[in-house]
Every structure is written in C-alpha cells, then in structure tokens.
C-alpha cells in the first residue's frame, strides 16, 4: 500500500491554506506540500516537488480542484 501525499495551493499571499491543510491532515496525509502562487503563474515548484516525491502506489490528494484555468 502506498503513501498518501497532500497538495494545497492558495492564490495570494494574504490567503491562508489552513482550511485545506486541516482537511488534508484530518484524512491522514503522510506528506504535505503547500504552494502560494497565482493561478496565472505557470511555475508550481511545490506541485513539481509533490509529483517527484510520489512513488508507484502512492496517491496525490488535493482539497479542491479548480478547473477555471484548464481551458488555456
């Protein structure tokens, strides 16, 4: 059985990721990655770090998937 890895992102520096982190921690994520980046930015170093951390059998968990920027 693999590890459960959590990823949280907020769009601005004044937003707080605690709601996401609390939800991810409550559900037993072994490792958490947090990003503070605008949705307009292409670079997401913490997302890349999370993806590189994953091993076969692991699961990446996000609190909410925002589909607003998928059409670009």
N, C-alpha and C. Protein backbone atom coordinates (compact mmCIF):
# COMPACT_ATOMS: atom_id res chain seq x y z
N UNK A 1 0.84 -1.18 0.00
CA UNK A 1 0.00 0.00 0.00
C UNK A 1 0.88 1.24 0.00
N UNK A 2 0.52 2.23 -0.80
CA UNK A 2 1.34 3.43 -0.95
C UNK A 2 1.04 4.49 0.09
N UNK A 3 1.79 5.57 -0.04
CA UNK A 3 1.66 6.73 0.84
C UNK A 3 0.66 7.71 0.24
N UNK A 4 -0.04 8.41 1.11
CA UNK A 4 -0.98 9.43 0.68
C UNK A 4 -0.30 10.79 0.83
N UNK A 5 -0.16 11.51 -0.29
CA UNK A 5 0.55 12.78 -0.32
C UNK A 5 -0.46 13.90 -0.60
N UNK A 6 -0.42 14.98 0.21
CA UNK A 6 -1.36 16.08 0.04
C UNK A 6 -0.71 17.29 -0.60
N UNK A 7 -1.50 18.02 -1.40
CA UNK A 7 -1.05 19.26 -2.04
C UNK A 7 -2.11 20.32 -1.84
N UNK A 8 -1.69 21.48 -1.30
CA UNK A 8 -2.59 22.61 -1.10
C UNK A 8 -2.00 23.83 -1.78
N UNK A 9 -2.90 24.68 -2.35
CA UNK A 9 -2.43 25.90 -3.00
C UNK A 9 -3.40 27.04 -2.71
N UNK A 10 -2.83 28.19 -2.42
CA UNK A 10 -3.61 29.42 -2.33
C UNK A 10 -3.06 30.39 -3.37
N UNK A 11 -3.92 31.29 -3.84
CA UNK A 11 -3.57 32.15 -4.97
C UNK A 11 -2.81 33.41 -4.58
N UNK A 12 -3.01 33.90 -3.37
CA UNK A 12 -2.36 35.15 -2.97
C UNK A 12 -1.69 34.97 -1.62
N UNK A 13 -0.75 35.87 -1.32
CA UNK A 13 -0.02 35.79 -0.06
C UNK A 13 -0.92 36.06 1.14
N UNK A 14 -2.01 36.82 0.96
CA UNK A 14 -2.89 37.09 2.09
C UNK A 14 -3.89 35.97 2.35
N UNK A 15 -4.02 35.01 1.44
CA UNK A 15 -4.88 33.86 1.69
C UNK A 15 -4.14 32.86 2.57
N UNK A 16 -4.90 32.13 3.36
CA UNK A 16 -4.32 31.16 4.29
C UNK A 16 -4.69 29.74 3.85
N UNK A 17 -3.72 28.83 3.82
CA UNK A 17 -4.00 27.47 3.39
C UNK A 17 -4.50 26.56 4.53
N UNK A 18 -4.72 27.11 5.72
CA UNK A 18 -5.05 26.28 6.88
C UNK A 18 -6.28 25.39 6.69
N UNK A 19 -7.33 25.91 6.06
CA UNK A 19 -8.53 25.10 5.84
C UNK A 19 -8.19 23.85 5.03
N UNK A 20 -7.42 24.05 3.97
CA UNK A 20 -7.01 22.92 3.14
C UNK A 20 -6.11 21.97 3.93
N UNK A 21 -5.13 22.53 4.64
CA UNK A 21 -4.19 21.70 5.39
C UNK A 21 -4.89 20.92 6.49
N UNK A 22 -5.82 21.56 7.19
CA UNK A 22 -6.58 20.84 8.23
C UNK A 22 -7.34 19.67 7.64
N UNK A 23 -7.98 19.87 6.49
CA UNK A 23 -8.72 18.79 5.84
C UNK A 23 -7.78 17.67 5.40
N UNK A 24 -6.64 18.04 4.85
CA UNK A 24 -5.68 17.02 4.41
C UNK A 24 -5.09 16.26 5.59
N UNK A 25 -4.78 16.96 6.67
CA UNK A 25 -4.21 16.31 7.86
C UNK A 25 -5.23 15.39 8.51
N UNK A 26 -6.49 15.82 8.56
CA UNK A 26 -7.55 15.02 9.17
C UNK A 26 -7.68 13.68 8.47
N UNK A 27 -7.44 13.67 7.18
CA UNK A 27 -7.58 12.43 6.42
C UNK A 27 -6.26 11.66 6.31
N UNK A 28 -5.29 12.00 7.15
CA UNK A 28 -4.09 11.19 7.30
C UNK A 28 -3.06 11.27 6.20
N UNK A 29 -2.86 12.42 5.61
CA UNK A 29 -1.81 12.54 4.59
C UNK A 29 -0.44 12.45 5.25
N UNK A 30 0.43 11.62 4.71
CA UNK A 30 1.75 11.41 5.29
C UNK A 30 2.71 12.56 5.00
N UNK A 31 2.52 13.21 3.88
CA UNK A 31 3.41 14.30 3.45
C UNK A 31 2.54 15.38 2.82
N UNK A 32 2.81 16.64 3.18
CA UNK A 32 2.04 17.75 2.64
C UNK A 32 2.95 18.74 1.93
N UNK A 33 2.50 19.23 0.78
CA UNK A 33 3.20 20.26 0.03
C UNK A 33 2.26 21.45 -0.09
N UNK A 34 2.77 22.66 0.17
CA UNK A 34 1.95 23.88 0.16
C UNK A 34 2.53 24.87 -0.83
N UNK A 35 1.66 25.41 -1.67
CA UNK A 35 2.05 26.37 -2.70
C UNK A 35 1.33 27.69 -2.45
N UNK A 36 2.05 28.78 -2.58
CA UNK A 36 1.44 30.12 -2.57
C UNK A 36 1.79 30.75 -3.90
N UNK A 37 0.88 30.61 -4.88
CA UNK A 37 1.15 31.08 -6.23
C UNK A 37 -0.13 31.48 -6.92
N UNK A 38 -0.07 32.49 -7.73
CA UNK A 38 -1.21 32.93 -8.52
C UNK A 38 -1.61 31.85 -9.51
N UNK A 39 -2.90 31.79 -9.78
CA UNK A 39 -3.39 30.84 -10.78
C UNK A 39 -2.86 31.15 -12.17
N UNK A 40 -2.43 32.39 -12.39
CA UNK A 40 -1.90 32.79 -13.69
C UNK A 40 -0.46 32.33 -13.89
N UNK A 41 0.24 32.00 -12.80
CA UNK A 41 1.64 31.56 -12.91
C UNK A 41 1.70 30.13 -13.42
N UNK A 42 2.61 29.91 -14.31
CA UNK A 42 2.81 28.56 -14.85
C UNK A 42 3.67 27.70 -13.91
N UNK A 43 4.62 28.34 -13.20
CA UNK A 43 5.52 27.57 -12.36
C UNK A 43 4.85 27.24 -11.03
N UNK A 44 4.94 25.98 -10.66
CA UNK A 44 4.42 25.50 -9.39
C UNK A 44 5.46 24.55 -8.78
N UNK A 45 6.51 25.13 -8.15
CA UNK A 45 7.59 24.29 -7.65
C UNK A 45 7.15 23.26 -6.60
N UNK A 46 6.17 23.60 -5.77
CA UNK A 46 5.73 22.64 -4.76
C UNK A 46 4.91 21.51 -5.37
N UNK A 47 4.15 21.81 -6.42
CA UNK A 47 3.44 20.75 -7.13
C UNK A 47 4.44 19.81 -7.80
N UNK A 48 5.46 20.39 -8.41
CA UNK A 48 6.51 19.54 -9.01
C UNK A 48 7.21 18.70 -7.96
N UNK A 49 7.48 19.30 -6.79
CA UNK A 49 8.12 18.55 -5.70
C UNK A 49 7.23 17.40 -5.25
N UNK A 50 5.92 17.65 -5.16
CA UNK A 50 4.98 16.60 -4.76
C UNK A 50 4.97 15.48 -5.79
N UNK A 51 4.95 15.84 -7.06
CA UNK A 51 4.93 14.82 -8.12
C UNK A 51 6.22 14.01 -8.13
N UNK A 52 7.35 14.65 -7.87
CA UNK A 52 8.63 13.93 -7.81
C UNK A 52 8.72 13.05 -6.57
N UNK A 53 8.03 13.43 -5.51
CA UNK A 53 8.03 12.66 -4.26
C UNK A 53 7.25 11.35 -4.41
N UNK A 54 6.24 11.36 -5.27
CA UNK A 54 5.37 10.18 -5.43
C UNK A 54 6.13 8.97 -5.93
N UNK A 55 5.76 7.83 -5.42
CA UNK A 55 6.30 6.54 -5.86
C UNK A 55 5.14 5.68 -6.35
N UNK A 56 5.42 4.62 -7.11
CA UNK A 56 4.33 3.75 -7.56
C UNK A 56 3.48 3.29 -6.37
N UNK A 57 2.18 3.41 -6.53
CA UNK A 57 1.25 3.02 -5.47
C UNK A 57 0.82 4.18 -4.56
N UNK A 58 1.54 5.32 -4.63
CA UNK A 58 1.17 6.49 -3.83
C UNK A 58 -0.04 7.19 -4.44
N UNK A 59 -0.69 8.02 -3.64
CA UNK A 59 -1.85 8.78 -4.09
C UNK A 59 -1.64 10.26 -3.79
N UNK A 60 -1.84 11.11 -4.79
CA UNK A 60 -1.79 12.56 -4.60
C UNK A 60 -3.20 13.04 -4.32
N UNK A 61 -3.38 13.76 -3.21
CA UNK A 61 -4.70 14.23 -2.79
C UNK A 61 -4.70 15.75 -2.74
N UNK A 62 -5.72 16.35 -3.34
CA UNK A 62 -5.92 17.80 -3.27
C UNK A 62 -7.26 18.05 -2.61
N UNK A 63 -7.37 19.21 -1.95
CA UNK A 63 -8.60 19.54 -1.25
C UNK A 63 -9.71 19.92 -2.22
N UNK A 64 -9.37 20.68 -3.26
CA UNK A 64 -10.35 21.12 -4.24
C UNK A 64 -9.64 21.32 -5.57
N UNK A 65 -10.26 20.86 -6.62
CA UNK A 65 -9.70 21.04 -7.96
C UNK A 65 -10.40 22.21 -8.63
N UNK A 66 -9.65 23.24 -8.97
CA UNK A 66 -10.19 24.41 -9.65
C UNK A 66 -9.99 24.21 -11.14
N UNK A 67 -11.07 24.12 -11.87
CA UNK A 67 -10.98 23.87 -13.31
C UNK A 67 -11.04 25.14 -14.14
N UNK A 68 -11.02 26.31 -13.49
CA UNK A 68 -11.16 27.57 -14.19
C UNK A 68 -10.05 27.86 -15.19
N UNK A 69 -8.85 27.34 -14.99
CA UNK A 69 -7.74 27.66 -15.88
C UNK A 69 -7.38 26.51 -16.81
N UNK A 70 -8.19 25.46 -16.87
CA UNK A 70 -7.83 24.32 -17.70
C UNK A 70 -8.01 24.58 -19.20
N UNK A 71 -8.78 25.59 -19.56
CA UNK A 71 -9.02 25.84 -20.97
C UNK A 71 -7.95 26.64 -21.67
N UNK A 72 -6.90 27.02 -20.95
CA UNK A 72 -5.85 27.84 -21.58
C UNK A 72 -4.97 27.06 -22.49
